[in-house]
PDB file of N, CA and C in Angstrom:
ATOM      1  N   MET A   1      54.547 128.568  88.389  1.00  0.00           N
ATOM      2  CA  MET A   1      53.833 127.488  88.435  1.00  0.00           C
ATOM      3  C   MET A   1      52.751 127.442  87.270  1.00  0.00           C
ATOM      4  N   TRP A   2      51.871 128.902  87.688  1.00  0.00           N
ATOM      5  CA  TRP A   2      50.646 129.256  86.855  1.00  0.00           C
ATOM      6  C   TRP A   2      51.188 129.463  85.336  1.00  0.00           C
ATOM      7  N   LYS A   3      52.392 130.338  85.118  1.00  0.00           N
ATOM      8  CA  LYS A   3      52.920 130.377  83.988  1.00  0.00           C
ATOM      9  C   LYS A   3      53.052 129.362  83.244  1.00  0.00           C
ATOM     10  N   GLU A   4      53.307 128.533  83.776  1.00  0.00           N
ATOM     11  CA  GLU A   4      53.978 126.969  83.032  1.00  0.00           C
ATOM     12  C   GLU A   4      52.583 126.458  82.590  1.00  0.00           C
ATOM     13  N   LEU A   5      51.706 126.275  83.601  1.00  0.00           N
ATOM     14  CA  LEU A   5      50.406 125.804  83.392  1.00  0.00           C
ATOM     15  C   LEU A   5      49.640 126.560  82.229  1.00  0.00           C
ATOM     16  N   LEU A   6      49.509 127.942  82.025  1.00  0.00           N
ATOM     17  CA  LEU A   6      49.359 128.826  80.987  1.00  0.00           C
ATOM     18  C   LEU A   6      49.898 128.326  79.776  1.00  0.00           C
ATOM     19  N   ILE A   7      51.275 128.070  79.667  1.00  0.00           N
ATOM     20  CA  ILE A   7      51.804 127.652  78.423  1.00  0.00           C
ATOM     21  C   ILE A   7      51.558 126.530  77.966  1.00  0.00           C
ATOM     22  N   TYR A   8      51.230 125.379  78.901  1.00  0.00           N
ATOM     23  CA  TYR A   8      50.882 124.071  78.598  1.00  0.00           C
ATOM     24  C   TYR A   8      49.516 124.166  77.931  1.00  0.00           C
ATOM     25  N   ALA A   9      48.705 125.025  78.747  1.00  0.00           N
ATOM     26  CA  ALA A   9      47.150 124.948  78.029  1.00  0.00           C
ATOM     27  C   ALA A   9      47.316 125.579  76.387  1.00  0.00           C
ATOM     28  N   ILE A  10      48.058 126.621  76.357  1.00  0.00           N
ATOM     29  CA  ILE A  10      48.111 127.439  74.997  1.00  0.00           C
ATOM     30  C   ILE A  10      48.662 126.135  74.036  1.00  0.00           C
ATOM     31  N   VAL A  11      49.601 125.679  74.172  1.00  0.00           N
ATOM     32  CA  VAL A  11      50.324 124.184  73.562  1.00  0.00           C
ATOM     33  C   VAL A  11      49.291 123.624  73.357  1.00  0.00           C
ATOM     34  N   ALA A  12      48.662 123.095  74.415  1.00  0.00           N
ATOM     35  CA  ALA A  12      47.689 121.848  74.077  1.00  0.00           C
ATOM     36  C   ALA A  12      46.497 122.456  73.174  1.00  0.00           C
ATOM     37  N   ALA A  13      45.928 123.465  73.491  1.00  0.00           N
ATOM     38  CA  ALA A  13      45.045 124.009  72.630  1.00  0.00           C
ATOM     39  C   ALA A  13      45.235 124.007  71.123  1.00  0.00           C
ATOM     40  N   SER A  14      46.408 124.972  70.919  1.00  0.00           N
ATOM     41  CA  SER A  14      46.777 124.954  69.462  1.00  0.00           C
ATOM     42  C   SER A  14      46.868 123.415  68.749  1.00  0.00           C
ATOM     43  N   SER A  15      47.820 122.691  69.482  1.00  0.00           N
ATOM     44  CA  SER A  15      48.112 121.635  69.025  1.00  0.00           C
ATOM     45  C   SER A  15      46.831 120.481  68.504  1.00  0.00           C
ATOM     46  N   LEU A  16      45.860 120.624  69.962  1.00  0.00           N
ATOM     47  CA  LEU A  16      44.862 120.119  69.332  1.00  0.00           C
ATOM     48  C   LEU A  16      43.909 120.850  68.137  1.00  0.00           C
ATOM     49  N   PHE A  17      43.849 122.015  67.797  1.00  0.00           N
ATOM     50  CA  PHE A  17      43.334 122.635  66.801  1.00  0.00           C
ATOM     51  C   PHE A  17      44.024 122.041  65.560  1.00  0.00           C
ATOM     52  N   LEU A  18      45.498 122.140  65.364  1.00  0.00           N
ATOM     53  CA  LEU A  18      46.062 121.778  64.507  1.00  0.00           C
ATOM     54  C   LEU A  18      45.920 120.424  64.090  1.00  0.00           C
ATOM     55  N   MET A  19      45.719 119.528  65.084  1.00  0.00           N
ATOM     56  CA  MET A  19      45.307 117.847  64.492  1.00  0.00           C
ATOM     57  C   MET A  19      44.063 117.910  63.825  1.00  0.00           C
ATOM     58  N   THR A  20      42.878 118.552  64.265  1.00  0.00           N
ATOM     59  CA  THR A  20      41.731 118.664  63.566  1.00  0.00           C
ATOM     60  C   THR A  20      42.084 118.720  62.373  1.00  0.00           C
ATOM     61  N   PHE A  21      42.620 120.007  62.052  1.00  0.00           N
ATOM     62  CA  PHE A  21      42.843 120.629  60.568  1.00  0.00           C
ATOM     63  C   PHE A  21      43.418 119.509  59.590  1.00  0.00           C
ATOM     64  N   VAL A  22      44.338 118.657  60.554  1.00  0.00           N
ATOM     65  CA  VAL A  22      45.251 117.427  59.617  1.00  0.00           C
ATOM     66  C   VAL A  22      44.552 116.534  59.269  1.00  0.00           C
ATOM     67  N   ALA A  23      43.533 116.087  60.335  1.00  0.00           N
ATOM     68  CA  ALA A  23      42.586 114.880  59.932  1.00  0.00           C
ATOM     69  C   ALA A  23      41.876 115.243  59.032  1.00  0.00           C
ATOM     70  N   HIS A  24      41.251 116.442  58.900  1.00  0.00           N
ATOM     71  CA  HIS A  24      40.444 117.124  58.011  1.00  0.00           C
ATOM     72  C   HIS A  24      41.114 117.065  56.806  1.00  0.00           C
ATOM     73  N   MET A  25      42.214 117.506  56.518  1.00  0.00           N
ATOM     74  CA  MET A  25      42.979 117.505  55.033  1.00  0.00           C
ATOM     75  C   MET A  25      43.151 116.296  54.806  1.00  0.00           C
ATOM     76  N   MET A  26      43.587 115.234  55.876  1.00  0.00           N
ATOM     77  CA  MET A  26      44.318 114.199  55.147  1.00  0.00           C
ATOM     78  C   MET A  26      42.847 113.197  54.839  1.00  0.00           C
ATOM     79  N   VAL A  27      41.667 113.011  55.381  1.00  0.00           N
ATOM     80  CA  VAL A  27      40.774 112.185  55.232  1.00  0.00           C
ATOM     81  C   VAL A  27      39.511 112.890  54.619  1.00  0.00           C
ATOM     82  N   GLY A  28      39.395 114.248  54.837  1.00  0.00           N
ATOM     83  CA  GLY A  28      38.456 114.724  54.458  1.00  0.00           C
ATOM     84  C   GLY A  28      37.990 114.300  52.819  1.00  0.00           C
ATOM     85  N   GLY A  29      36.679 114.000  52.629  1.00  0.00           N
ATOM     86  CA  GLY A  29      36.135 113.801  51.344  1.00  0.00           C
ATOM     87  C   GLY A  29      36.571 112.277  51.047  1.00  0.00           C
ATOM     88  N   LEU A  30      37.633 111.737  51.521  1.00  0.00           N
ATOM     89  CA  LEU A  30      37.628 110.335  51.201  1.00  0.00           C
ATOM     90  C   LEU A  30      36.927 109.350  52.064  1.00  0.00           C
ATOM     91  N   VAL A  31      36.432 109.821  53.105  1.00  0.00           N
ATOM     92  CA  VAL A  31      35.630 108.831  53.840  1.00  0.00           C
ATOM     93  C   VAL A  31      34.306 109.584  54.335  1.00  0.00           C
ATOM     94  N   SER A  32      33.386 108.780  54.854  1.00  0.00           N
ATOM     95  CA  SER A  32      32.202 109.394  55.183  1.00  0.00           C
ATOM     96  C   SER A  32      32.433 110.294  56.585  1.00  0.00           C
ATOM     97  N   PRO A  33      31.341 111.489  56.543  1.00  0.00           N
ATOM     98  CA  PRO A  33      31.674 112.094  57.492  1.00  0.00           C
ATOM     99  C   PRO A  33      31.731 111.672  58.974  1.00  0.00           C
ATOM    100  N   GLU A  34      31.064 110.645  59.133  1.00  0.00           N
ATOM    101  CA  GLU A  34      31.038 110.086  60.601  1.00  0.00           C
ATOM    102  C   GLU A  34      32.210 109.515  60.816  1.00  0.00           C
ATOM    103  N   ALA A  35      33.144 109.014  59.937  1.00  0.00           N
ATOM    104  CA  ALA A  35      34.526 108.303  59.801  1.00  0.00           C
ATOM    105  C   ALA A  35      35.455 109.450  60.066  1.00  0.00           C
ATOM    106  N   GLU A  36      35.303 110.522  59.485  1.00  0.00           N
ATOM    107  CA  GLU A  36      36.104 111.575  59.735  1.00  0.00           C
ATOM    108  C   GLU A  36      36.058 112.179  61.069  1.00  0.00           C
ATOM    109  N   LEU A  37      34.768 112.187  61.396  1.00  0.00           N
ATOM    110  CA  LEU A  37      34.851 112.778  63.365  1.00  0.00           C
ATOM    111  C   LEU A  37      35.508 111.672  64.076  1.00  0.00           C
ATOM    112  N   ARG A  38      35.314 110.382  63.718  1.00  0.00           N
ATOM    113  CA  ARG A  38      35.637 109.488  64.616  1.00  0.00           C
ATOM    114  C   ARG A  38      37.367 109.340  64.312  1.00  0.00           C
ATOM    115  N   ILE A  39      37.732 109.661  63.200  1.00  0.00           N
ATOM    116  CA  ILE A  39      39.436 109.833  62.964  1.00  0.00           C
ATOM    117  C   ILE A  39      39.676 111.078  63.790  1.00  0.00           C
ATOM    118  N   THR A  40      38.917 111.969  63.726  1.00  0.00           N
ATOM    119  CA  THR A  40      39.459 113.238  64.319  1.00  0.00           C
ATOM    120  C   THR A  40      39.648 113.256  65.891  1.00  0.00           C
ATOM    121  N   ILE A  41      38.461 112.495  66.232  1.00  0.00           N
ATOM    122  CA  ILE A  41      38.491 112.142  68.026  1.00  0.00           C
ATOM    123  C   ILE A  41      39.375 111.490  68.236  1.00  0.00           C
ATOM    124  N   GLY A  42      39.697 110.212  67.794  1.00  0.00           N
ATOM    125  CA  GLY A  42      40.820 109.614  67.964  1.00  0.00           C
ATOM    126  C   GLY A  42      42.278 110.087  67.884  1.00  0.00           C
ATOM    127  N   LEU A  43      42.467 110.944  66.971  1.00  0.00           N
ATOM    128  CA  LEU A  43      43.691 111.763  66.702  1.00  0.00           C
ATOM    129  C   LEU A  43      43.830 112.788  67.765  1.00  0.00           C
ATOM    130  N   CYS A  44      42.727 113.438  68.236  1.00  0.00           N
ATOM    131  CA  CYS A  44      42.733 114.376  69.473  1.00  0.00           C
ATOM    132  C   CYS A  44      43.004 113.704  70.878  1.00  0.00           C
ATOM    133  N   LEU A  45      42.155 112.784  71.125  1.00  0.00           N
ATOM    134  CA  LEU A  45      42.209 112.164  72.258  1.00  0.00           C
ATOM    135  C   LEU A  45      43.819 111.680  72.365  1.00  0.00           C
ATOM    136  N   THR A  46      44.394 111.278  71.427  1.00  0.00           N
ATOM    137  CA  THR A  46      45.887 110.453  71.264  1.00  0.00           C
ATOM    138  C   THR A  46      46.728 111.655  71.602  1.00  0.00           C
ATOM    139  N   VAL A  47      46.630 112.895  71.029  1.00  0.00           N
ATOM    140  CA  VAL A  47      47.762 113.878  71.207  1.00  0.00           C
ATOM    141  C   VAL A  47      47.213 114.537  72.483  1.00  0.00           C
ATOM    142  N   ALA A  48      46.047 114.493  72.924  1.00  0.00           N
ATOM    143  CA  ALA A  48      46.082 115.020  74.451  1.00  0.00           C
ATOM    144  C   ALA A  48      46.851 114.187  75.463  1.00  0.00           C
ATOM    145  N   CYS A  49      46.354 112.643  75.021  1.00  0.00           N
ATOM    146  CA  CYS A  49      46.996 112.206  76.038  1.00  0.00           C
ATOM    147  C   CYS A  49      48.740 112.262  76.286  1.00  0.00           C
ATOM    148  N   LEU A  50      49.346 112.294  74.761  1.00  0.00           N
ATOM    149  CA  LEU A  50      50.779 112.702  74.748  1.00  0.00           C
ATOM    150  C   LEU A  50      51.032 113.860  75.376  1.00  0.00           C
ATOM    151  N   ILE A  51      50.500 114.898  75.087  1.00  0.00           N
ATOM    152  CA  ILE A  51      50.928 116.228  75.889  1.00  0.00           C
ATOM    153  C   ILE A  51      50.662 116.199  77.128  1.00  0.00           C
ATOM    154  N   GLY A  52      49.730 115.315  77.920  1.00  0.00           N
ATOM    155  CA  GLY A  52      49.525 115.061  79.409  1.00  0.00           C
ATOM    156  C   GLY A  52      50.544 114.369  79.732  1.00  0.00           C
ATOM    157  N   ALA A  53      51.100 113.498  79.140  1.00  0.00           N
ATOM    158  CA  ALA A  53      52.001 112.697  79.458  1.00  0.00           C
ATOM    159  C   ALA A  53      53.722 113.395  79.368  1.00  0.00           C
ATOM    160  N   MET A  54      53.732 114.148  78.433  1.00  0.00           N
ATOM    161  CA  MET A  54      54.989 115.125  78.303  1.00  0.00           C
ATOM    162  C   MET A  54      54.765 116.307  79.447  1.00  0.00           C
ATOM    163  N   ALA A  55      53.749 116.326  79.778  1.00  0.00           N
ATOM    164  CA  ALA A  55      53.793 117.749  80.833  1.00  0.00           C
ATOM    165  C   ALA A  55      53.968 116.818  82.420  1.00  0.00           C
ATOM    166  N   TRP A  56      53.207 115.641  82.402  1.00  0.00           N
ATOM    167  CA  TRP A  56      53.606 114.994  83.794  1.00  0.00           C
ATOM    168  C   TRP A  56      54.950 114.816  83.894  1.00  0.00           C
ATOM    169  N   ASP A  57      55.577 114.522  82.839  1.00  0.00           N
ATOM    170  CA  ASP A  57      56.924 114.231  82.849  1.00  0.00           C
ATOM    171  C   ASP A  57      57.814 115.330  82.993  1.00  0.00           C
ATOM    172  N   VAL A  58      57.530 116.569  82.698  1.00  0.00           N
ATOM    173  CA  VAL A  58      58.630 117.864  83.182  1.00  0.00           C
ATOM    174  C   VAL A  58      58.120 117.893  84.303  1.00  0.00           C
ATOM    175  N   ALA A  59      56.848 117.964  85.052  1.00  0.00           N
ATOM    176  CA  ALA A  59      56.548 117.982  86.581  1.00  0.00           C
ATOM    177  C   ALA A  59      57.613 117.338  87.183  1.00  0.00           C
ATOM    178  N   ARG A  60      57.356 116.100  87.116  1.00  0.00           N
ATOM    179  CA  ARG A  60      58.101 114.786  87.893  1.00  0.00           C
ATOM    180  C   ARG A  60      59.551 115.353  88.060  1.00  0.00           C
ATOM    181  N   ARG A  61      60.078 115.820  86.847  1.00  0.00           N
ATOM    182  CA  ARG A  61      61.652 115.804  86.746  1.00  0.00           C
ATOM    183  C   ARG A  61      62.054 117.224  87.499  1.00  0.00           C
ATOM    184  N   ARG A  62      61.290 118.117  87.412  1.00  0.00           N
ATOM    185  CA  ARG A  62      61.200 119.438  88.194  1.00  0.00           C
ATOM    186  C   ARG A  62      61.194 119.207  89.648  1.00  0.00           C
ATOM    187  N   ARG A  63      60.308 118.305  90.255  1.00  0.00           N
ATOM    188  CA  ARG A  63      59.943 117.883  91.471  1.00  0.00           C
ATOM    189  C   ARG A  63      61.594 117.075  91.734  1.00  0.00           C
ATOM    190  N   ARG A  64      61.876 116.212  91.285  1.00  0.00           N
ATOM    191  CA  ARG A  64      63.457 115.639  91.606  1.00  0.00           C
ATOM    192  C   ARG A  64      64.157 116.385  91.594  1.00  0.00           C
ATOM    193  N   LYS A  65      64.623 117.305  90.691  1.00  0.00           N
ATOM    194  CA  LYS A  65      65.503 118.211  90.743  1.00  0.00           C
ATOM    195  C   LYS A  65      65.563 119.492  91.867  1.00  0.00           C
ATOM    196  N   ALA A  66      64.506 119.403  92.174  1.00  0.00           N
ATOM    197  CA  ALA A  66      63.963 120.601  93.351  1.00  0.00           C
ATOM    198  C   ALA A  66      64.670 120.082  94.770  1.00  0.00           C
ATOM    199  N   ARG A  67      64.159 118.681  94.754  1.00  0.00           N
ATOM    200  CA  ARG A  67      64.766 117.875  96.198  1.00  0.00           C
ATOM    201  C   ARG A  67      66.270 118.117  96.160  1.00  0.00           C
ATOM    202  N   GLY A  68      66.773 117.894  95.223  1.00  0.00           N
ATOM    203  CA  GLY A  68      68.312 117.462  95.071  1.00  0.00           C
ATOM    204  C   GLY A  68      68.832 116.260  94.664  1.00  0.00           C
ATOM    205  N   PRO A  69      70.163 116.429  94.172  1.00  0.00           N
ATOM    206  CA  PRO A  69      70.523 114.768  93.987  1.00  0.00           C
ATOM    207  C   PRO A  69      70.608 113.867  95.047  1.00  0.00           C
ATOM    208  N   SER A  70      70.732 114.055  96.187  1.00  0.00           N
ATOM    209  CA  SER A  70      70.836 112.773  96.982  1.00  0.00           C
ATOM    210  C   SER A  70      69.269 112.221  97.136  1.00  0.00           C
ATOM    211  N   ALA A  71      68.443 113.004  97.085  1.00  0.00           N
ATOM    212  CA  ALA A  71      66.923 112.423  97.334  1.00  0.00           C
ATOM    213  C   ALA A  71      66.711 111.312  96.010  1.00  0.00           C
ATOM    214  N   GLY A  72      67.154 111.903  94.771  1.00  0.00           N
ATOM    215  CA  GLY A  72      67.015 110.718  93.588  1.00  0.00           C
ATOM    216  C   GLY A  72      67.536 109.431  93.821  1.00  0.00           C
ATOM    217  N   ALA A  73      68.972 109.589  94.323  1.00  0.00           N
ATOM    218  CA  ALA A  73      69.702 108.356  94.812  1.00  0.00           C
ATOM    219  C   ALA A  73      69.011 107.313  95.850  1.00  0.00           C
ATOM    220  N   ALA A  74      68.315 107.871  96.804  1.00  0.00           N
ATOM    221  CA  ALA A  74      67.799 107.109  97.810  1.00  0.00           C
ATOM    222  C   ALA A  74      66.504 106.654  97.009  1.00  0.00           C
ATOM    223  N   GLU A  75      65.545 107.172  96.098  1.00  0.00           N
ATOM    224  CA  GLU A  75      64.244 106.726  95.879  1.00  0.00           C
ATOM    225  C   GLU A  75      64.759 105.314  94.703  1.00  0.00           C
ATOM    226  N   ARG A  76      66.274 105.218  94.131  1.00  0.00           N
ATOM    227  CA  ARG A  76      66.658 104.217  93.177  1.00  0.00           C
ATOM    228  C   ARG A  76      67.070 103.318  93.975  1.00  0.00           C
ATOM    229  N   ARG A  77      67.600 103.224  95.180  1.00  0.00           N
ATOM    230  CA  ARG A  77      67.576 101.855  96.011  1.00  0.00           C
ATOM    231  C   ARG A  77      66.738 101.049  96.315  1.00  0.00           C
TER     232      ARG A  77
END
């Protein structure tokens, strides 16, 4: 579990760093610095939410898998 959390943290940090670079390269110099900062913050928040949703989905699927197929069938009824 801890190894998995470490991997997700590394992926999240590197993805957020990459998104700040992408935002800077796409709009840097075309808009004001304040607008660039707002775009960067919005993009980073969006990516952070998507990464969080992805990690939550993986954890949820693994919990279901650990309980077995019969437990999942009972939840669907």
